[in-house]
N, C-alpha and C. Protein backbone atom coordinates (compact mmCIF):
# COMPACT_ATOMS: atom_id res chain seq x y z
N SER A 1 24.51 20.75 0.36
CA SER A 1 23.49 19.81 -0.04
C SER A 1 23.87 18.41 0.47
N GLU A 2 22.87 17.64 0.86
CA GLU A 2 23.13 16.32 1.45
C GLU A 2 23.29 15.23 0.40
N TRP A 3 22.88 15.47 -0.85
CA TRP A 3 22.95 14.45 -1.89
C TRP A 3 24.17 14.68 -2.77
N SER A 4 24.76 13.58 -3.22
CA SER A 4 25.91 13.69 -4.12
C SER A 4 25.43 14.05 -5.52
N THR A 5 26.37 14.40 -6.40
CA THR A 5 26.00 14.79 -7.77
C THR A 5 25.42 13.62 -8.54
N THR A 6 25.94 12.41 -8.33
CA THR A 6 25.39 11.25 -9.04
C THR A 6 23.97 10.94 -8.57
N THR A 7 23.71 11.12 -7.28
CA THR A 7 22.35 10.91 -6.77
C THR A 7 21.40 11.93 -7.39
N LYS A 8 21.82 13.18 -7.47
CA LYS A 8 20.97 14.22 -8.07
C LYS A 8 20.71 13.92 -9.54
N GLU A 9 21.74 13.49 -10.27
CA GLU A 9 21.56 13.16 -11.69
C GLU A 9 20.57 12.01 -11.86
N ASN A 10 20.73 10.98 -11.05
CA ASN A 10 19.83 9.82 -11.15
C ASN A 10 18.40 10.18 -10.77
N LEU A 11 18.23 11.02 -9.75
CA LEU A 11 16.88 11.46 -9.37
C LEU A 11 16.25 12.30 -10.48
N ASN A 12 17.04 13.15 -11.13
CA ASN A 12 16.51 13.95 -12.24
C ASN A 12 16.10 13.07 -13.41
N ARG A 13 16.87 12.02 -13.70
CA ARG A 13 16.47 11.07 -14.75
C ARG A 13 15.13 10.43 -14.40
N LEU A 14 14.98 10.07 -13.14
CA LEU A 14 13.74 9.44 -12.70
C LEU A 14 12.58 10.43 -12.72
N ARG A 15 12.83 11.68 -12.34
CA ARG A 15 11.78 12.70 -12.35
C ARG A 15 11.27 13.00 -13.76
N ASN A 16 12.11 12.83 -14.77
CA ASN A 16 11.72 13.13 -16.15
C ASN A 16 10.79 12.08 -16.75
N GLN A 17 10.56 10.99 -16.05
CA GLN A 17 9.66 9.95 -16.54
C GLN A 17 8.20 10.43 -16.42
N THR A 18 7.33 9.83 -17.22
CA THR A 18 5.93 10.29 -17.25
C THR A 18 5.08 9.70 -16.12
N SER A 19 5.26 8.42 -15.83
CA SER A 19 4.43 7.81 -14.79
C SER A 19 5.31 6.99 -13.85
N PHE A 20 4.84 6.88 -12.60
CA PHE A 20 5.60 6.17 -11.58
C PHE A 20 4.77 5.05 -10.99
N ASN A 21 5.48 4.04 -10.48
CA ASN A 21 4.85 3.00 -9.69
C ASN A 21 5.74 2.74 -8.49
N ALA A 22 5.18 2.06 -7.50
CA ALA A 22 5.92 1.83 -6.26
C ALA A 22 5.47 0.52 -5.63
N ILE A 23 6.36 -0.05 -4.84
CA ILE A 23 6.00 -1.18 -3.98
C ILE A 23 5.95 -0.62 -2.57
N VAL A 24 4.72 -0.43 -2.07
CA VAL A 24 4.53 0.14 -0.74
C VAL A 24 4.15 -0.98 0.22
N GLU A 25 4.43 -0.75 1.49
CA GLU A 25 4.11 -1.72 2.52
C GLU A 25 3.05 -1.11 3.44
N VAL A 26 1.90 -1.77 3.51
CA VAL A 26 0.81 -1.34 4.38
C VAL A 26 0.46 -2.52 5.27
N LYS A 27 0.50 -2.31 6.57
CA LYS A 27 0.21 -3.39 7.53
C LYS A 27 1.10 -4.61 7.27
N GLN A 28 2.38 -4.38 7.07
CA GLN A 28 3.40 -5.41 6.83
C GLN A 28 3.16 -6.25 5.58
N ARG A 29 2.39 -5.73 4.61
CA ARG A 29 2.17 -6.46 3.37
C ARG A 29 2.52 -5.56 2.20
N PRO A 30 3.25 -6.08 1.21
CA PRO A 30 3.64 -5.25 0.06
C PRO A 30 2.53 -5.18 -0.99
N TYR A 31 2.40 -4.01 -1.61
CA TYR A 31 1.44 -3.78 -2.69
C TYR A 31 2.15 -3.04 -3.81
N PHE A 32 2.01 -3.53 -5.04
CA PHE A 32 2.57 -2.86 -6.21
C PHE A 32 1.50 -1.90 -6.73
N VAL A 33 1.77 -0.59 -6.67
CA VAL A 33 0.73 0.39 -6.97
C VAL A 33 1.21 1.44 -7.96
N ALA A 34 0.24 2.06 -8.62
CA ALA A 34 0.44 3.24 -9.44
C ALA A 34 -0.64 4.24 -9.02
N VAL A 35 -0.65 5.41 -9.64
CA VAL A 35 -1.65 6.42 -9.29
C VAL A 35 -3.04 5.90 -9.65
N ASN A 36 -4.02 6.15 -8.81
CA ASN A 36 -5.43 5.74 -8.93
C ASN A 36 -5.67 4.26 -8.66
N ASP A 37 -4.66 3.51 -8.24
CA ASP A 37 -4.89 2.13 -7.83
C ASP A 37 -5.55 2.09 -6.46
N VAL A 38 -6.29 1.02 -6.20
CA VAL A 38 -6.97 0.84 -4.92
C VAL A 38 -6.28 -0.29 -4.15
N ILE A 39 -5.94 -0.01 -2.90
CA ILE A 39 -5.35 -1.00 -2.00
C ILE A 39 -6.43 -1.40 -1.00
N VAL A 40 -6.72 -2.69 -0.90
CA VAL A 40 -7.65 -3.18 0.11
C VAL A 40 -6.83 -3.93 1.14
N THR A 41 -6.79 -3.40 2.35
CA THR A 41 -5.96 -3.96 3.41
C THR A 41 -6.83 -4.21 4.64
N MET A 42 -6.24 -4.79 5.65
CA MET A 42 -6.98 -5.03 6.88
C MET A 42 -7.40 -3.71 7.50
N ARG A 43 -8.44 -3.73 8.29
CA ARG A 43 -9.08 -2.51 8.81
C ARG A 43 -8.10 -1.63 9.59
N MET A 44 -8.15 -0.33 9.29
CA MET A 44 -7.40 0.68 10.04
C MET A 44 -8.43 1.52 10.79
N ASN A 45 -8.61 1.23 12.08
CA ASN A 45 -9.67 1.86 12.86
C ASN A 45 -9.48 3.34 13.07
N ASP A 46 -8.24 3.81 13.05
CA ASP A 46 -7.99 5.22 13.35
C ASP A 46 -8.20 6.14 12.15
N LEU A 47 -8.59 5.61 10.99
CA LEU A 47 -8.81 6.43 9.80
C LEU A 47 -10.29 6.58 9.51
N ASN A 48 -10.66 7.78 9.05
CA ASN A 48 -12.03 8.06 8.64
C ASN A 48 -12.08 8.22 7.13
N LEU A 49 -13.29 8.17 6.57
CA LEU A 49 -13.45 8.34 5.13
C LEU A 49 -12.95 9.72 4.72
N GLY A 50 -12.20 9.76 3.62
CA GLY A 50 -11.67 11.02 3.12
C GLY A 50 -10.33 11.42 3.70
N ASP A 51 -9.83 10.71 4.71
CA ASP A 51 -8.51 11.03 5.27
C ASP A 51 -7.42 10.78 4.23
N VAL A 52 -6.44 11.67 4.19
CA VAL A 52 -5.29 11.51 3.31
C VAL A 52 -4.11 11.06 4.16
N ILE A 53 -3.51 9.94 3.78
CA ILE A 53 -2.35 9.45 4.54
C ILE A 53 -1.13 9.42 3.62
N THR A 54 0.03 9.56 4.23
CA THR A 54 1.29 9.47 3.50
C THR A 54 1.89 8.09 3.76
N LEU A 55 2.17 7.38 2.69
CA LEU A 55 2.77 6.05 2.81
C LEU A 55 4.28 6.22 2.73
N ASP A 56 4.97 5.94 3.85
CA ASP A 56 6.41 6.17 3.88
C ASP A 56 7.23 4.88 3.86
N ARG A 57 6.58 3.74 3.93
CA ARG A 57 7.31 2.47 3.83
C ARG A 57 7.26 2.00 2.38
N VAL A 58 8.24 2.42 1.61
CA VAL A 58 8.30 2.10 0.18
C VAL A 58 9.55 1.27 -0.08
N ARG A 59 9.36 0.09 -0.63
CA ARG A 59 10.50 -0.79 -0.92
C ARG A 59 11.17 -0.40 -2.23
N GLU A 60 10.36 -0.05 -3.24
CA GLU A 60 10.87 0.36 -4.55
C GLU A 60 9.97 1.45 -5.09
N ILE A 61 10.57 2.37 -5.83
CA ILE A 61 9.78 3.37 -6.54
C ILE A 61 10.48 3.61 -7.86
N GLY A 62 9.70 3.75 -8.93
CA GLY A 62 10.35 3.93 -10.22
C GLY A 62 9.36 4.06 -11.35
N SER A 63 9.88 3.84 -12.56
CA SER A 63 9.08 3.92 -13.78
C SER A 63 9.46 2.72 -14.64
N GLU A 64 9.12 2.78 -15.94
CA GLU A 64 9.49 1.68 -16.82
C GLU A 64 11.00 1.56 -16.97
N ASP A 65 11.69 2.69 -16.99
CA ASP A 65 13.12 2.69 -17.31
C ASP A 65 14.04 2.69 -16.09
N PHE A 66 13.61 3.32 -14.98
CA PHE A 66 14.48 3.46 -13.82
C PHE A 66 13.76 3.01 -12.55
N ILE A 67 14.54 2.44 -11.62
CA ILE A 67 13.98 2.00 -10.34
C ILE A 67 14.91 2.46 -9.23
N LEU A 68 14.31 2.97 -8.16
CA LEU A 68 15.05 3.34 -6.96
C LEU A 68 14.70 2.30 -5.90
N GLN A 69 15.69 1.48 -5.50
CA GLN A 69 15.45 0.39 -4.57
C GLN A 69 15.90 0.76 -3.18
N GLY A 70 15.14 0.32 -2.18
CA GLY A 70 15.49 0.59 -0.79
C GLY A 70 16.21 -0.59 -0.16
N ASN A 71 16.77 -0.34 1.01
CA ASN A 71 17.47 -1.40 1.73
C ASN A 71 17.15 -1.28 3.22
N PRO A 72 16.03 -1.73 3.74
CA PRO A 72 14.90 -2.35 3.05
C PRO A 72 13.91 -1.34 2.46
N TYR A 73 13.97 -0.07 2.91
CA TYR A 73 13.03 0.94 2.40
C TYR A 73 13.80 2.11 1.80
N VAL A 74 13.14 2.79 0.85
CA VAL A 74 13.70 4.01 0.26
C VAL A 74 13.50 5.13 1.28
N HIS A 75 14.51 6.00 1.41
CA HIS A 75 14.42 7.10 2.38
C HIS A 75 13.27 8.04 1.98
N PRO A 76 12.41 8.44 2.93
CA PRO A 76 11.23 9.27 2.60
C PRO A 76 11.54 10.64 2.02
N SER A 77 12.78 11.12 2.10
CA SER A 77 13.09 12.43 1.53
C SER A 77 13.15 12.39 0.00
N TYR A 78 13.20 11.19 -0.60
CA TYR A 78 13.28 11.07 -2.05
C TYR A 78 11.92 11.11 -2.75
N PHE A 79 10.82 10.87 -2.06
CA PHE A 79 9.54 10.65 -2.74
C PHE A 79 8.38 11.12 -1.87
N THR A 80 7.20 11.14 -2.49
CA THR A 80 5.93 11.36 -1.79
C THR A 80 4.91 10.38 -2.36
N VAL A 81 4.32 9.57 -1.50
CA VAL A 81 3.23 8.67 -1.90
C VAL A 81 2.07 8.94 -0.96
N LYS A 82 0.94 9.40 -1.53
CA LYS A 82 -0.24 9.71 -0.72
C LYS A 82 -1.42 8.85 -1.16
N ALA A 83 -2.27 8.53 -0.18
CA ALA A 83 -3.46 7.73 -0.46
C ALA A 83 -4.64 8.30 0.32
N VAL A 84 -5.84 8.11 -0.22
CA VAL A 84 -7.08 8.61 0.38
C VAL A 84 -7.92 7.41 0.79
N VAL A 85 -8.52 7.47 1.98
CA VAL A 85 -9.41 6.40 2.44
C VAL A 85 -10.74 6.56 1.71
N ILE A 86 -11.15 5.53 0.95
CA ILE A 86 -12.39 5.65 0.20
C ILE A 86 -13.54 4.84 0.80
N GLU A 87 -13.25 3.76 1.52
CA GLU A 87 -14.33 3.03 2.19
C GLU A 87 -13.77 2.05 3.21
N HIS A 88 -14.67 1.56 4.05
CA HIS A 88 -14.34 0.52 5.04
C HIS A 88 -15.27 -0.67 4.77
N PRO A 89 -14.98 -1.48 3.75
CA PRO A 89 -15.88 -2.59 3.41
C PRO A 89 -15.76 -3.76 4.39
N VAL A 90 -16.78 -4.59 4.37
CA VAL A 90 -16.81 -5.82 5.17
C VAL A 90 -16.92 -6.98 4.19
N SER A 91 -16.13 -8.02 4.39
CA SER A 91 -16.13 -9.14 3.46
C SER A 91 -17.40 -9.98 3.60
N GLN A 92 -17.57 -10.91 2.67
CA GLN A 92 -18.68 -11.85 2.77
C GLN A 92 -18.46 -12.76 3.97
N GLU A 93 -19.53 -13.39 4.40
CA GLU A 93 -19.41 -14.32 5.51
C GLU A 93 -18.57 -15.52 5.09
N ILE A 94 -17.64 -15.88 5.95
CA ILE A 94 -16.85 -17.09 5.74
C ILE A 94 -17.37 -18.11 6.73
N VAL A 95 -17.96 -19.19 6.21
CA VAL A 95 -18.59 -20.20 7.05
C VAL A 95 -17.65 -21.40 7.15
N ARG A 96 -17.34 -21.79 8.38
CA ARG A 96 -16.51 -22.96 8.62
C ARG A 96 -17.31 -23.95 9.44
N HIS A 97 -17.38 -25.18 8.97
CA HIS A 97 -18.04 -26.24 9.73
C HIS A 97 -16.99 -26.96 10.54
N HIS A 98 -17.27 -27.14 11.81
CA HIS A 98 -16.35 -27.84 12.70
C HIS A 98 -16.97 -29.20 13.00
N TRP A 99 -16.48 -30.23 12.29
CA TRP A 99 -17.11 -31.54 12.40
C TRP A 99 -16.57 -32.29 13.60
N LYS A 100 -17.49 -32.78 14.42
CA LYS A 100 -17.15 -33.63 15.56
C LYS A 100 -17.50 -35.07 15.19
N LYS A 101 -17.06 -35.99 16.02
CA LYS A 101 -17.39 -37.39 15.74
C LYS A 101 -18.88 -37.65 15.97
N ARG A 102 -19.40 -37.15 17.09
CA ARG A 102 -20.81 -37.34 17.39
C ARG A 102 -21.39 -36.03 17.86
N GLY A 103 -22.68 -35.97 17.92
CA GLY A 103 -23.32 -34.78 18.47
C GLY A 103 -23.47 -33.68 17.44
N HIS A 104 -23.51 -32.47 17.94
CA HIS A 104 -23.78 -31.33 17.05
C HIS A 104 -22.52 -30.93 16.29
N GLN A 105 -22.74 -30.29 15.14
CA GLN A 105 -21.64 -29.74 14.36
C GLN A 105 -21.75 -28.22 14.41
N PRO A 106 -20.91 -27.56 15.23
CA PRO A 106 -20.99 -26.11 15.31
C PRO A 106 -20.51 -25.45 14.01
N VAL A 107 -21.14 -24.35 13.68
CA VAL A 107 -20.78 -23.59 12.49
C VAL A 107 -20.17 -22.28 12.95
N HIS A 108 -18.96 -21.97 12.47
CA HIS A 108 -18.29 -20.73 12.80
C HIS A 108 -18.43 -19.78 11.62
N VAL A 109 -18.96 -18.58 11.88
CA VAL A 109 -19.15 -17.57 10.84
C VAL A 109 -18.22 -16.40 11.14
N ASN A 110 -17.51 -15.94 10.11
CA ASN A 110 -16.56 -14.85 10.29
C ASN A 110 -16.71 -13.84 9.16
N ARG A 111 -16.62 -12.56 9.50
CA ARG A 111 -16.59 -11.48 8.51
C ARG A 111 -15.34 -10.65 8.78
N ASN A 112 -14.54 -10.42 7.74
CA ASN A 112 -13.34 -9.62 7.89
C ASN A 112 -13.63 -8.16 7.54
N HIS A 113 -13.07 -7.25 8.30
CA HIS A 113 -13.23 -5.82 8.06
C HIS A 113 -11.98 -5.29 7.36
N HIS A 114 -12.19 -4.48 6.32
CA HIS A 114 -11.09 -3.98 5.51
C HIS A 114 -11.13 -2.46 5.43
N THR A 115 -10.05 -1.88 4.91
CA THR A 115 -9.99 -0.47 4.57
C THR A 115 -9.50 -0.37 3.13
N ALA A 116 -10.20 0.42 2.32
CA ALA A 116 -9.82 0.63 0.92
C ALA A 116 -9.16 1.99 0.78
N LEU A 117 -7.96 2.00 0.21
CA LEU A 117 -7.19 3.22 0.00
C LEU A 117 -6.99 3.42 -1.50
N ARG A 118 -7.19 4.65 -1.98
CA ARG A 118 -6.89 4.98 -3.38
C ARG A 118 -5.61 5.80 -3.40
N VAL A 119 -4.63 5.36 -4.18
CA VAL A 119 -3.35 6.08 -4.29
C VAL A 119 -3.60 7.34 -5.11
N SER A 120 -3.39 8.50 -4.50
CA SER A 120 -3.69 9.77 -5.17
C SER A 120 -2.46 10.45 -5.74
N GLU A 121 -1.28 10.14 -5.21
CA GLU A 121 -0.08 10.84 -5.68
C GLU A 121 1.15 9.96 -5.49
N ILE A 122 1.98 9.91 -6.53
CA ILE A 122 3.32 9.34 -6.44
C ILE A 122 4.24 10.32 -7.13
N SER A 123 5.14 10.92 -6.38
CA SER A 123 6.07 11.89 -6.97
C SER A 123 7.46 11.70 -6.38
N ILE A 124 8.45 12.15 -7.16
CA ILE A 124 9.85 12.01 -6.73
C ILE A 124 10.47 13.38 -6.63
């Protein structure tokens, strides 16, 4: 076996907990999540609605009593974090006025595209 006895004991203590939460990194941004939480991140063009993805960049995973910390990430063999793509929303228009000294004032309009993920599973 690749794990030491103390590692196995600590993982078993963590497995006996009722609920888990994790700090996952999506698009280089950390999110503190639990099961059924929704993550709204910048658009992921390669994903379709209903796709299930595995989040493997986890900084911390744990429960109320125990935490498994990574350096910088927890090794993926210790856990499973899965999320489902639920929608690809578009933000409201962001209007910026660009004021010049004279003449016309151009208006810049921007809409950001996002991807919403629902965390479906966190297990150790």
